[in-house]
Amino acid sequence: MNRKKYRKSKNEKKRTTIKVLITLALSVLICGSAYGVYLVKKAENAAGNAFETAGDRGKSDLRDEQVEPLHDNVSVLFIGVDNSSKREQSESSTRSDALVLATLNNEDKSIKLVSIPRDTYTFIPDSPKISKMDKITHAYAYNGPSSTIESVEELLDVPVDYYVRMNFDAFIDVVDALDGITVDVPYDLKEQDENDKKDAIVLEEGFQTLNGSEALALARTRHYDNDIERGKRQQMIIESIMNRVLSASSLTKYGDVIDAIGDNMKTDMTFKDMQSFFEYAKDGKPNVETLTVQGYDDMSTGTYYWQLDEESLLEVQDILQSHLGLKPDTSNLSDNSQTKFAENPEDDEDY
């Protein structure tokens, strides 16, 4: 065989291989860019459909001027409502089943999460009661998100800059769009599903992947521990969803997640506001700290309430205010001490 011809043939194969690899790389980049543009446009349309204002509420009364998420420390209230398309409840009969306030510090890109038990006894500005004191879950029925936001501001003494309201359908569909989330189920559990079918969800203790209906049942159950532990479970589930969303394997699922939210999420954030929050995840999962306001069961009036511990409440208020830059940060506490609480009595009226 002619050596020159052999070397030429070998070199041509190398060049052909390199061309194929370059073509494939360019194709991936082009497709990736096209998919990225598609996702941005899809998200922009979804954000437009989800946008709503909480009544005539503008900026928080606790703010001197409107905040900008790209530059300022902000807070977002996540409101989970006990409603779905199959339940078809009216706004006036809907209650908040989960309340989680997130404060975001722009300087260190950290996030603090505090869950507010649904039976928390607190001041409700829109309550028809003379004392204005009621369970915070009832606030939503008086004037929707606006009443809930005002109640949370009264309770935690920090501004609520934005809110996100999701019903059962949105929660279930988002988890399913991510092919489930991995959580540590704290105990064996039998619970009703989103359609109120008794014992439809059966889980065993331990780490496992849950689908949307199972994750919702774990977040909602009120029969195995107390409202403090319920809040911790909800915080754990939020973190699990965050981990899944930020994982590389979920990139191709973003379109499904956007579709899952659909008409089942409402927020007063614009698409530009939402884009600002991408800064918190550009280096991976941000530093997330969960906080708990301690309290105790109260049946002294014949109705079950969760009474907050005043000292614990003041401590959490101080941490949140410092994290938002509303006062100097004088605390290095990372979490609160925990105590045991009695099990909640069943509260069929408010389940």
Protein backbone atom coordinates (compact mmCIF):
# COMPACT_ATOMS: atom_id res chain seq x y z
CA MET A 1 0.00 0.00 0.00
CA ASN A 2 1.13 3.53 -0.81
CA ARG A 3 2.17 5.22 2.49
CA LYS A 4 1.16 8.72 1.24
CA LYS A 5 -2.26 7.45 0.23
CA TYR A 6 -2.67 5.76 3.62
CA ARG A 7 -1.68 8.92 5.54
CA LYS A 8 -4.02 11.02 3.37
CA SER A 9 -6.89 8.62 3.98
CA LYS A 10 -6.19 8.64 7.75
CA ASN A 11 -6.01 12.46 7.85
CA GLU A 12 -9.24 12.77 5.90
CA LYS A 13 -10.99 10.51 8.43
CA LYS A 14 -9.69 12.68 11.27
CA ARG A 15 -10.89 15.85 9.56
CA THR A 16 -14.26 14.24 8.88
CA THR A 17 -14.56 13.19 12.52
CA ILE A 18 -13.67 16.73 13.71
CA LYS A 19 -16.24 18.22 11.31
CA VAL A 20 -18.92 15.89 12.64
CA LEU A 21 -18.09 16.78 16.25
CA ILE A 22 -18.11 20.51 15.47
CA THR A 23 -21.42 20.15 13.65
CA LEU A 24 -22.91 18.25 16.56
CA ALA A 25 -21.61 20.82 19.04
CA LEU A 26 -23.05 23.67 16.99
CA SER A 27 -26.34 21.82 16.66
CA VAL A 28 -26.53 21.37 20.43
CA LEU A 29 -25.75 25.05 20.97
CA ILE A 30 -28.32 26.15 18.40
CA CYS A 31 -30.98 23.80 19.77
CA GLY A 32 -30.11 24.79 23.31
CA SER A 33 -30.38 28.45 22.44
CA ALA A 34 -33.66 27.86 20.62
CA TYR A 35 -35.00 25.92 23.60
CA GLY A 36 -33.87 28.68 25.92
CA VAL A 37 -35.65 31.32 23.82
CA TYR A 38 -38.73 29.10 23.71
CA LEU A 39 -38.71 28.69 27.50
CA VAL A 40 -38.27 32.41 28.11
CA LYS A 41 -41.18 33.22 25.80
CA LYS A 42 -43.28 30.49 27.36
CA ALA A 43 -42.47 31.75 30.87
CA GLU A 44 -43.23 35.32 29.85
CA ASN A 45 -46.67 34.31 28.57
CA ALA A 46 -47.35 32.28 31.72
CA ALA A 47 -46.26 35.19 33.91
CA GLY A 48 -48.61 37.49 32.02
CA ASN A 49 -51.53 35.12 32.57
CA ALA A 50 -50.66 34.69 36.25
CA PHE A 51 -50.33 38.39 37.02
CA GLU A 52 -52.90 39.96 39.30
CA THR A 53 -52.88 42.60 42.01
CA ALA A 54 -54.15 42.07 45.54
CA GLY A 55 -57.12 44.40 45.32
CA ASP A 56 -56.03 48.03 45.20
CA ARG A 57 -52.90 47.30 47.20
CA GLY A 58 -49.73 48.91 45.89
CA LYS A 59 -46.46 48.87 47.80
CA SER A 60 -46.49 47.78 51.42
CA ASP A 61 -47.34 50.46 53.97
CA LEU A 62 -44.17 49.36 55.76
CA ARG A 63 -42.06 50.53 52.80
CA ASP A 64 -41.10 54.12 52.00
CA GLU A 65 -40.81 53.31 48.32
CA GLN A 66 -41.37 50.44 45.91
CA VAL A 67 -38.61 47.82 45.98
CA GLU A 68 -36.74 46.38 43.00
CA PRO A 69 -35.76 42.69 43.40
CA LEU A 70 -32.60 43.14 41.31
CA HIS A 71 -31.17 45.64 43.78
CA ASP A 72 -33.14 45.46 47.04
CA ASN A 73 -33.84 42.97 49.80
CA VAL A 74 -37.41 41.76 49.32
CA SER A 75 -40.00 39.42 50.79
CA VAL A 76 -42.38 37.02 49.06
CA LEU A 77 -45.43 35.45 50.72
CA PHE A 78 -46.38 32.01 49.38
CA ILE A 79 -50.06 31.30 49.93
CA GLY A 80 -51.28 27.73 49.44
CA VAL A 81 -55.07 27.67 49.28
CA ASP A 82 -57.25 24.63 50.03
CA ASN A 83 -58.92 24.65 46.65
CA SER A 84 -58.79 22.87 43.31
CA SER A 85 -60.77 22.71 40.08
CA LYS A 86 -62.65 19.63 41.35
CA ARG A 87 -63.63 21.27 44.61
CA GLU A 88 -64.94 24.39 42.84
CA GLN A 89 -65.02 26.45 46.03
CA SER A 90 -65.89 30.13 45.93
CA GLU A 91 -63.31 32.74 46.94
CA SER A 92 -65.30 33.51 50.10
CA SER A 93 -65.19 29.88 51.25
CA THR A 94 -61.51 29.34 50.39
CA ARG A 95 -58.92 29.42 53.16
CA SER A 96 -55.15 29.52 53.19
CA ASP A 97 -53.88 26.04 53.98
CA ALA A 98 -50.19 26.99 54.03
CA LEU A 99 -48.42 30.31 54.55
CA VAL A 100 -44.66 30.62 54.06
CA LEU A 101 -42.87 33.97 54.06
CA ALA A 102 -39.51 34.14 52.29
CA THR A 103 -37.11 37.02 52.83
CA LEU A 104 -34.34 37.42 50.26
CA ASN A 105 -31.11 39.30 51.00
CA ASN A 106 -29.64 40.76 47.82
CA GLU A 107 -26.11 41.18 49.18
CA ASP A 108 -25.33 37.57 50.10
CA LYS A 109 -28.14 36.00 48.02
CA SER A 110 -29.49 34.17 51.08
CA ILE A 111 -33.10 33.19 51.80
CA LYS A 112 -34.94 32.76 55.08
CA LEU A 113 -38.22 30.83 55.23
CA VAL A 114 -40.73 31.04 58.06
CA SER A 115 -43.93 28.99 58.12
CA ILE A 116 -47.02 30.41 59.79
CA PRO A 117 -49.31 27.73 61.25
CA ARG A 118 -52.81 28.03 59.77
CA ASP A 119 -54.51 28.08 63.18
CA THR A 120 -52.33 30.91 64.50
CA TYR A 121 -54.43 33.26 66.65
CA THR A 122 -53.65 36.76 65.48
CA PHE A 123 -54.99 40.18 64.49
CA ILE A 124 -56.94 40.10 61.21
CA PRO A 125 -57.59 43.67 59.95
CA ASP A 126 -60.58 42.58 57.82
CA SER A 127 -62.17 40.34 60.46
CA PRO A 128 -65.81 41.21 61.26
CA LYS A 129 -65.18 40.34 64.91
CA ILE A 130 -65.05 43.26 67.32
CA SER A 131 -61.65 42.15 68.63
CA LYS A 132 -60.34 41.46 65.09
CA MET A 133 -58.63 38.37 66.51
CA ASP A 134 -59.02 35.14 64.56
CA LYS A 135 -57.21 32.20 62.98
CA ILE A 136 -54.94 33.46 60.22
CA THR A 137 -56.35 30.80 57.85
CA HIS A 138 -59.67 32.69 57.91
CA ALA A 139 -58.14 35.93 56.64
CA TYR A 140 -58.20 34.79 53.00
CA ALA A 141 -61.98 34.37 53.01
CA TYR A 142 -62.51 38.02 54.01
CA ASN A 143 -60.68 39.72 51.17
CA GLY A 144 -58.46 37.20 49.41
CA PRO A 145 -54.67 37.72 49.23
CA SER A 146 -54.93 41.33 50.37
CA SER A 147 -56.34 40.39 53.77
CA THR A 148 -53.84 37.57 54.20
CA ILE A 149 -50.93 39.87 53.34
CA GLU A 150 -52.06 42.53 55.82
CA SER A 151 -52.45 39.91 58.53
CA VAL A 152 -48.95 38.54 57.95
CA GLU A 153 -47.48 42.05 58.05
CA GLU A 154 -49.27 42.71 61.36
CA LEU A 155 -48.00 39.43 62.77
CA LEU A 156 -44.34 39.50 61.70
CA ASP A 157 -43.87 43.29 61.54
CA VAL A 158 -42.12 43.14 58.16
CA PRO A 159 -43.33 44.26 54.72
CA VAL A 160 -44.73 41.73 52.27
CA ASP A 161 -43.46 42.96 48.91
CA TYR A 162 -44.86 40.21 46.68
CA TYR A 163 -47.13 37.22 46.95
CA VAL A 164 -47.59 33.96 45.07
CA ARG A 165 -50.88 32.09 45.42
CA MET A 166 -51.14 28.46 44.35
CA ASN A 167 -53.92 25.92 44.73
CA PHE A 168 -53.72 22.14 45.06
CA ASP A 169 -53.73 21.58 41.29
CA ALA A 170 -50.67 23.75 40.72
CA PHE A 171 -48.71 22.10 43.52
CA ILE A 172 -49.50 18.57 42.33
CA ASP A 173 -48.80 19.33 38.67
CA VAL A 174 -45.46 21.04 39.40
CA VAL A 175 -44.19 18.08 41.44
CA ASP A 176 -45.38 15.63 38.78
CA ALA A 177 -43.77 17.72 36.01
CA LEU A 178 -40.45 17.31 37.87
CA ASP A 179 -41.02 13.52 37.99
CA GLY A 180 -41.47 13.73 41.74
CA ILE A 181 -39.37 15.01 44.64
CA THR A 182 -37.22 13.15 47.16
CA VAL A 183 -38.09 13.73 50.81
CA ASP A 184 -37.66 12.05 54.18
CA VAL A 185 -41.15 10.95 55.27
CA PRO A 186 -41.05 11.17 59.10
CA TYR A 187 -43.58 8.39 59.81
CA ASP A 188 -45.99 5.89 58.29
CA LEU A 189 -48.95 7.85 57.02
CA LYS A 190 -52.51 7.33 55.79
CA GLU A 191 -54.16 10.48 54.53
CA GLN A 192 -56.93 11.75 52.28
CA ASP A 193 -56.03 12.97 48.80
CA GLU A 194 -56.74 16.29 47.10
CA ASN A 195 -60.29 15.11 46.35
CA ASP A 196 -60.92 14.35 50.05
CA LYS A 197 -60.95 10.59 49.45
CA LYS A 198 -60.19 9.03 52.83
CA ASP A 199 -56.92 7.02 53.20
CA ALA A 200 -56.18 7.36 49.49
CA ILE A 201 -52.53 8.20 50.22
CA VAL A 202 -50.43 5.59 52.04
CA LEU A 203 -46.75 6.33 52.77
CA GLU A 204 -44.06 4.54 54.75
CA GLU A 205 -41.39 6.22 56.87
CA GLY A 206 -38.05 7.00 55.19
CA PHE A 207 -36.42 8.64 52.16
CA GLN A 208 -38.40 8.19 48.96
CA THR A 209 -39.62 9.89 45.83
CA LEU A 210 -43.16 11.26 46.08
CA ASN A 211 -45.52 12.21 43.30
CA GLY A 212 -47.63 15.36 43.48
CA SER A 213 -50.60 13.89 45.35
CA GLU A 214 -48.32 12.17 47.88
CA ALA A 215 -46.27 15.33 48.46
CA LEU A 216 -49.45 17.35 49.01
CA ALA A 217 -50.77 14.82 51.54
CA LEU A 218 -47.48 14.97 53.46
CA ALA A 219 -47.56 18.78 53.44
CA ARG A 220 -51.19 18.98 54.59
CA THR A 221 -51.63 16.24 57.16
CA ARG A 222 -52.55 17.49 60.64
CA HIS A 223 -53.13 14.22 62.48
CA TYR A 224 -49.63 12.94 63.24
CA ASP A 225 -47.86 15.81 64.99
CA ASN A 226 -48.54 19.53 65.50
CA ASP A 227 -48.65 22.78 63.57
CA ILE A 228 -44.95 23.47 64.16
CA GLU A 229 -43.96 20.12 62.63
CA ARG A 230 -46.44 20.69 59.80
CA GLY A 231 -44.64 23.93 58.98
CA LYS A 232 -41.30 22.16 59.00
CA ARG A 233 -42.63 19.52 56.60
CA GLN A 234 -43.80 22.26 54.24
CA GLN A 235 -40.39 23.95 54.41
CA MET A 236 -38.70 20.61 53.67
CA ILE A 237 -40.94 20.08 50.64
CA ILE A 238 -40.26 23.59 49.32
CA GLU A 239 -36.52 22.93 49.59
CA SER A 240 -36.93 19.57 47.82
CA ILE A 241 -38.77 21.26 44.95
CA MET A 242 -36.03 23.91 44.80
CA ASN A 243 -33.33 21.23 44.67
CA ARG A 244 -35.14 19.42 41.88
CA VAL A 245 -35.74 22.58 39.84
CA LEU A 246 -32.06 23.58 40.10
CA SER A 247 -30.71 20.14 39.18
CA ALA A 248 -29.23 19.77 35.68
CA SER A 249 -31.50 16.80 34.96
CA SER A 250 -34.58 19.03 35.23
CA LEU A 251 -33.60 21.36 32.38
CA THR A 252 -35.77 19.53 29.87
CA LYS A 253 -38.71 19.58 32.29
CA TYR A 254 -38.94 23.37 32.62
CA GLY A 255 -41.51 23.60 29.86
CA ASP A 256 -43.73 21.10 31.67
CA VAL A 257 -43.30 22.98 34.95
CA ILE A 258 -44.41 26.21 33.30
CA ASP A 259 -47.43 24.42 31.83
CA ALA A 260 -48.20 22.90 35.22
CA ILE A 261 -48.54 26.28 36.85
CA GLY A 262 -51.02 27.45 34.24
CA ASP A 263 -54.09 29.17 35.62
CA ASN A 264 -53.58 27.68 39.07
CA MET A 265 -51.03 30.29 40.17
CA LYS A 266 -51.54 34.01 40.65
CA THR A 267 -48.94 36.60 41.64
CA ASP A 268 -48.34 40.33 41.67
CA MET A 269 -44.82 39.82 40.31
CA THR A 270 -44.14 40.85 36.73
CA PHE A 271 -41.98 38.71 34.46
CA LYS A 272 -39.16 41.23 34.95
CA ASP A 273 -39.47 40.81 38.72
CA MET A 274 -39.27 37.04 38.36
CA GLN A 275 -36.16 37.26 36.18
CA SER A 276 -34.44 39.24 38.94
CA PHE A 277 -34.70 36.24 41.25
CA PHE A 278 -32.58 34.13 38.86
CA GLU A 279 -29.58 35.90 40.43
CA TYR A 280 -30.15 33.89 43.61
CA ALA A 281 -29.62 30.61 41.77
CA LYS A 282 -26.91 31.48 39.25
CA ASP A 283 -24.22 29.84 41.42
CA GLY A 284 -26.37 26.86 42.35
CA LYS A 285 -28.76 26.47 45.23
CA PRO A 286 -28.78 29.58 47.45
CA ASN A 287 -28.26 29.45 51.21
CA VAL A 288 -31.71 28.71 52.68
CA GLU A 289 -32.44 28.94 56.41
CA THR A 290 -35.75 27.84 57.91
CA LEU A 291 -37.22 29.56 60.96
CA THR A 292 -39.91 28.49 63.39
CA VAL A 293 -42.11 30.59 65.67
CA GLN A 294 -42.76 28.49 68.75
CA GLY A 295 -46.18 28.27 70.36
CA TYR A 296 -48.67 26.05 72.11
CA ASP A 297 -52.12 24.46 71.73
CA ASP A 298 -55.01 26.46 73.16
CA MET A 299 -58.53 25.07 73.67
CA SER A 300 -59.49 27.47 76.48
CA THR A 301 -62.35 28.97 74.45
CA GLY A 302 -63.66 25.64 73.17
CA THR A 303 -62.16 26.37 69.72
CA TYR A 304 -58.68 25.23 68.81
CA TYR A 305 -56.06 27.94 68.30
CA TRP A 306 -52.30 27.97 67.97
CA GLN A 307 -51.01 30.60 70.39
CA LEU A 308 -47.58 31.98 69.53
CA ASP A 309 -44.86 32.33 72.13
CA GLU A 310 -44.25 36.09 72.41
CA GLU A 311 -40.50 35.80 72.99
CA SER A 312 -40.07 33.45 70.02
CA LEU A 313 -42.18 35.75 67.83
CA LEU A 314 -40.07 38.80 68.73
CA GLU A 315 -36.90 36.83 67.95
CA VAL A 316 -38.16 35.81 64.50
CA GLN A 317 -39.33 39.37 63.80
CA ASP A 318 -35.84 40.63 64.65
CA ILE A 319 -34.16 38.07 62.36
CA LEU A 320 -36.44 38.89 59.42
CA GLN A 321 -36.11 42.64 59.87
CA SER A 322 -32.32 42.32 59.98
CA HIS A 323 -32.28 40.06 56.91
CA LEU A 324 -34.31 42.65 54.98
CA GLY A 325 -31.92 45.39 56.09
CA LEU A 326 -34.61 47.20 58.05
CA LYS A 327 -32.40 47.21 61.16
CA PRO A 328 -28.80 46.27 62.00
CA ASP A 329 -28.18 42.53 62.12
CA THR A 330 -27.37 41.79 65.76
CA SER A 331 -28.14 38.07 65.66
CA ASN A 332 -26.07 35.11 64.51
CA LEU A 333 -28.78 32.58 65.33
CA SER A 334 -29.27 29.94 62.65
CA ASP A 335 -32.26 28.19 64.13
CA ASN A 336 -34.52 28.26 67.14
CA SER A 337 -34.53 25.79 70.00
CA GLN A 338 -37.23 23.19 69.74
CA THR A 339 -39.58 21.81 72.35
CA LYS A 340 -42.14 19.07 72.36
CA PHE A 341 -45.77 19.94 71.90
CA ALA A 342 -48.94 17.99 72.48
CA GLU A 343 -50.70 16.60 69.46
CA ASN A 344 -53.36 18.82 67.98
CA PRO A 345 -56.93 17.71 68.61
CA GLU A 346 -58.81 17.02 65.43
CA ASP A 347 -60.34 20.17 64.04
CA ASP A 348 -62.85 18.92 61.52
CA GLU A 349 -64.28 22.37 60.90
CA ASP A 350 -60.97 23.71 59.63
CA TYR A 351 -59.41 20.68 57.93
